[in-house]
Amino acid sequence: MLQWLINSVTDVLIAFALATLFLFVGAVNYPEFFPQRFFHYWVVATPEVAPKQSVEAAQQVSVVTQVQR
């Protein structure tokens, strides 16, 4: 009985560890799928893509304004 309980708890801990690892890898590689408040709690997985998107948006706006002039 005790061995079964230990094996069950170990299996659950392994499942949570794998889920956490997959969540971390997903947040680092695909940050656009996660809300910004997610990165408030997971500081380690802070994306580098967010500032690049704002720079690209600023460049697109400047191109549009240049064409209109």
N, C-alpha and C. Protein backbone atom coordinates (compact mmCIF):
# COMPACT_ATOMS: atom_id res chain seq x y z
N MET A 1 0.83 -1.19 0.00
CA MET A 1 0.00 0.00 0.00
C MET A 1 0.87 1.26 0.00
N LEU A 2 1.87 1.26 0.86
CA LEU A 2 2.75 2.43 0.93
C LEU A 2 3.55 2.59 -0.36
N GLN A 3 3.99 1.51 -0.93
CA GLN A 3 4.75 1.57 -2.18
C GLN A 3 3.87 2.13 -3.30
N TRP A 4 2.60 1.75 -3.33
CA TRP A 4 1.67 2.26 -4.34
C TRP A 4 1.48 3.77 -4.18
N LEU A 5 1.35 4.22 -2.94
CA LEU A 5 1.19 5.65 -2.67
C LEU A 5 2.43 6.44 -3.11
N ILE A 6 3.59 5.92 -2.80
CA ILE A 6 4.84 6.58 -3.19
C ILE A 6 4.96 6.64 -4.71
N ASN A 7 4.62 5.55 -5.39
CA ASN A 7 4.67 5.54 -6.85
C ASN A 7 3.67 6.53 -7.46
N SER A 8 2.50 6.63 -6.88
CA SER A 8 1.48 7.56 -7.39
C SER A 8 1.92 9.01 -7.21
N VAL A 9 2.43 9.33 -6.05
CA VAL A 9 2.90 10.69 -5.79
C VAL A 9 4.07 11.03 -6.70
N THR A 10 4.97 10.09 -6.90
CA THR A 10 6.10 10.31 -7.80
C THR A 10 5.63 10.55 -9.22
N ASP A 11 4.65 9.79 -9.68
CA ASP A 11 4.11 9.98 -11.03
C ASP A 11 3.48 11.36 -11.19
N VAL A 12 2.74 11.79 -10.18
CA VAL A 12 2.11 13.11 -10.25
C VAL A 12 3.17 14.21 -10.26
N LEU A 13 4.20 14.07 -9.47
CA LEU A 13 5.26 15.08 -9.45
C LEU A 13 6.01 15.14 -10.78
N ILE A 14 6.24 13.99 -11.38
CA ILE A 14 6.89 13.95 -12.69
C ILE A 14 6.00 14.61 -13.74
N ALA A 15 4.70 14.36 -13.69
CA ALA A 15 3.77 14.97 -14.64
C ALA A 15 3.75 16.49 -14.49
N PHE A 16 3.73 17.00 -13.26
CA PHE A 16 3.76 18.44 -13.05
C PHE A 16 5.08 19.05 -13.49
N ALA A 17 6.18 18.36 -13.26
CA ALA A 17 7.48 18.86 -13.70
C ALA A 17 7.55 18.94 -15.22
N LEU A 18 7.06 17.91 -15.90
CA LEU A 18 7.05 17.94 -17.37
C LEU A 18 6.13 19.04 -17.90
N ALA A 19 4.97 19.20 -17.29
CA ALA A 19 4.05 20.26 -17.72
C ALA A 19 4.68 21.64 -17.53
N THR A 20 5.37 21.84 -16.42
CA THR A 20 6.04 23.11 -16.18
C THR A 20 7.15 23.34 -17.20
N LEU A 21 7.90 22.32 -17.50
CA LEU A 21 8.96 22.43 -18.50
C LEU A 21 8.40 22.77 -19.87
N PHE A 22 7.32 22.10 -20.29
CA PHE A 22 6.70 22.39 -21.58
C PHE A 22 6.13 23.80 -21.62
N LEU A 23 5.55 24.25 -20.52
CA LEU A 23 5.02 25.61 -20.44
C LEU A 23 6.14 26.63 -20.56
N PHE A 24 7.25 26.39 -19.91
CA PHE A 24 8.40 27.31 -19.98
C PHE A 24 8.97 27.37 -21.39
N VAL A 25 9.16 26.21 -22.02
CA VAL A 25 9.70 26.17 -23.38
C VAL A 25 8.74 26.86 -24.35
N GLY A 26 7.46 26.64 -24.18
CA GLY A 26 6.48 27.31 -25.03
C GLY A 26 6.47 28.81 -24.84
N ALA A 27 6.61 29.27 -23.61
CA ALA A 27 6.61 30.71 -23.34
C ALA A 27 7.85 31.38 -23.91
N VAL A 28 8.98 30.69 -23.90
CA VAL A 28 10.21 31.28 -24.42
C VAL A 28 10.20 31.30 -25.95
N ASN A 29 9.74 30.21 -26.56
CA ASN A 29 9.79 30.10 -28.01
C ASN A 29 8.60 30.74 -28.72
N TYR A 30 7.44 30.78 -28.09
CA TYR A 30 6.23 31.32 -28.71
C TYR A 30 5.55 32.31 -27.76
N PRO A 31 6.15 33.45 -27.49
CA PRO A 31 5.57 34.38 -26.51
C PRO A 31 4.29 35.05 -26.98
N GLU A 32 4.02 35.03 -28.29
CA GLU A 32 2.80 35.67 -28.78
C GLU A 32 1.54 34.91 -28.37
N PHE A 33 1.66 33.66 -27.94
CA PHE A 33 0.51 32.88 -27.51
C PHE A 33 0.18 33.09 -26.03
N PHE A 34 1.00 33.82 -25.31
CA PHE A 34 0.81 34.00 -23.87
C PHE A 34 0.49 35.47 -23.58
N PRO A 35 -0.44 35.74 -22.65
CA PRO A 35 -0.73 37.13 -22.30
C PRO A 35 0.45 37.77 -21.56
N GLN A 36 0.50 39.08 -21.59
CA GLN A 36 1.62 39.80 -20.97
C GLN A 36 1.67 39.58 -19.47
N ARG A 37 0.53 39.43 -18.81
CA ARG A 37 0.55 39.22 -17.35
C ARG A 37 1.18 37.89 -16.98
N PHE A 38 1.22 36.93 -17.93
CA PHE A 38 1.90 35.67 -17.68
C PHE A 38 3.38 35.91 -17.39
N PHE A 39 3.99 36.83 -18.14
CA PHE A 39 5.41 37.09 -17.97
C PHE A 39 5.70 37.90 -16.71
N HIS A 40 4.66 38.48 -16.11
CA HIS A 40 4.84 39.15 -14.83
C HIS A 40 5.18 38.13 -13.75
N TYR A 41 4.59 36.94 -13.84
CA TYR A 41 4.84 35.90 -12.86
C TYR A 41 6.04 35.03 -13.23
N TRP A 42 6.30 34.86 -14.52
CA TRP A 42 7.41 34.05 -15.01
C TRP A 42 8.49 34.99 -15.54
N VAL A 43 9.20 35.65 -14.67
CA VAL A 43 10.21 36.63 -15.08
C VAL A 43 11.32 35.97 -15.89
N VAL A 44 11.59 34.71 -15.62
CA VAL A 44 12.65 33.99 -16.32
C VAL A 44 12.33 33.86 -17.81
N ALA A 45 11.05 33.78 -18.16
CA ALA A 45 10.65 33.55 -19.54
C ALA A 45 10.28 34.85 -20.26
N THR A 46 10.79 35.99 -19.82
CA THR A 46 10.45 37.25 -20.45
C THR A 46 10.83 37.23 -21.92
N PRO A 47 9.86 37.52 -22.78
CA PRO A 47 10.14 37.42 -24.22
C PRO A 47 10.94 38.60 -24.73
N GLU A 48 11.71 38.37 -25.77
CA GLU A 48 12.44 39.45 -26.43
C GLU A 48 11.71 39.91 -27.67
N VAL A 49 10.60 39.26 -27.99
CA VAL A 49 9.87 39.57 -29.22
C VAL A 49 9.02 40.82 -29.05
N ALA A 50 8.50 41.07 -27.87
CA ALA A 50 7.59 42.19 -27.66
C ALA A 50 8.20 43.53 -28.05
N PRO A 51 9.42 43.88 -27.64
CA PRO A 51 9.97 45.17 -28.08
C PRO A 51 10.20 45.22 -29.59
N LYS A 52 10.55 44.12 -30.22
CA LYS A 52 10.77 44.11 -31.66
C LYS A 52 9.48 44.42 -32.40
N GLN A 53 8.36 43.93 -31.90
CA GLN A 53 7.08 44.19 -32.56
C GLN A 53 6.73 45.67 -32.50
N SER A 54 7.00 46.32 -31.40
CA SER A 54 6.68 47.74 -31.30
C SER A 54 7.58 48.56 -32.22
N VAL A 55 8.82 48.15 -32.41
CA VAL A 55 9.72 48.84 -33.33
C VAL A 55 9.23 48.66 -34.76
N GLU A 56 8.81 47.46 -35.12
CA GLU A 56 8.30 47.21 -36.46
C GLU A 56 7.03 48.02 -36.71
N ALA A 57 6.17 48.13 -35.72
CA ALA A 57 4.95 48.92 -35.88
C ALA A 57 5.29 50.39 -36.09
N ALA A 58 6.28 50.89 -35.37
CA ALA A 58 6.69 52.28 -35.54
C ALA A 58 7.28 52.50 -36.94
N GLN A 59 8.03 51.56 -37.43
CA GLN A 59 8.59 51.68 -38.77
C GLN A 59 7.49 51.64 -39.81
N GLN A 60 6.48 50.82 -39.64
CA GLN A 60 5.40 50.74 -40.60
C GLN A 60 4.61 52.04 -40.63
N VAL A 61 4.41 52.65 -39.49
CA VAL A 61 3.68 53.92 -39.44
C VAL A 61 4.49 54.99 -40.15
N SER A 62 5.80 55.03 -39.95
CA SER A 62 6.59 56.05 -40.59
C SER A 62 6.60 55.88 -42.11
N VAL A 63 6.57 54.65 -42.58
CA VAL A 63 6.52 54.40 -44.01
C VAL A 63 5.19 54.89 -44.58
N VAL A 64 4.12 54.66 -43.86
CA VAL A 64 2.80 55.09 -44.32
C VAL A 64 2.74 56.62 -44.38
N THR A 65 3.28 57.28 -43.38
CA THR A 65 3.25 58.74 -43.39
C THR A 65 4.14 59.31 -44.49
N GLN A 66 5.22 58.65 -44.81
CA GLN A 66 6.08 59.12 -45.89
C GLN A 66 5.38 58.99 -47.24
N VAL A 67 4.64 57.93 -47.41
CA VAL A 67 3.93 57.72 -48.68
C VAL A 67 2.83 58.76 -48.84
N GLN A 68 2.16 59.14 -47.74
CA GLN A 68 1.09 60.11 -47.85
C GLN A 68 1.61 61.50 -48.16
N ARG A 69 2.83 61.80 -47.81
CA ARG A 69 3.39 63.13 -48.08
C ARG A 69 3.82 63.18 -49.47
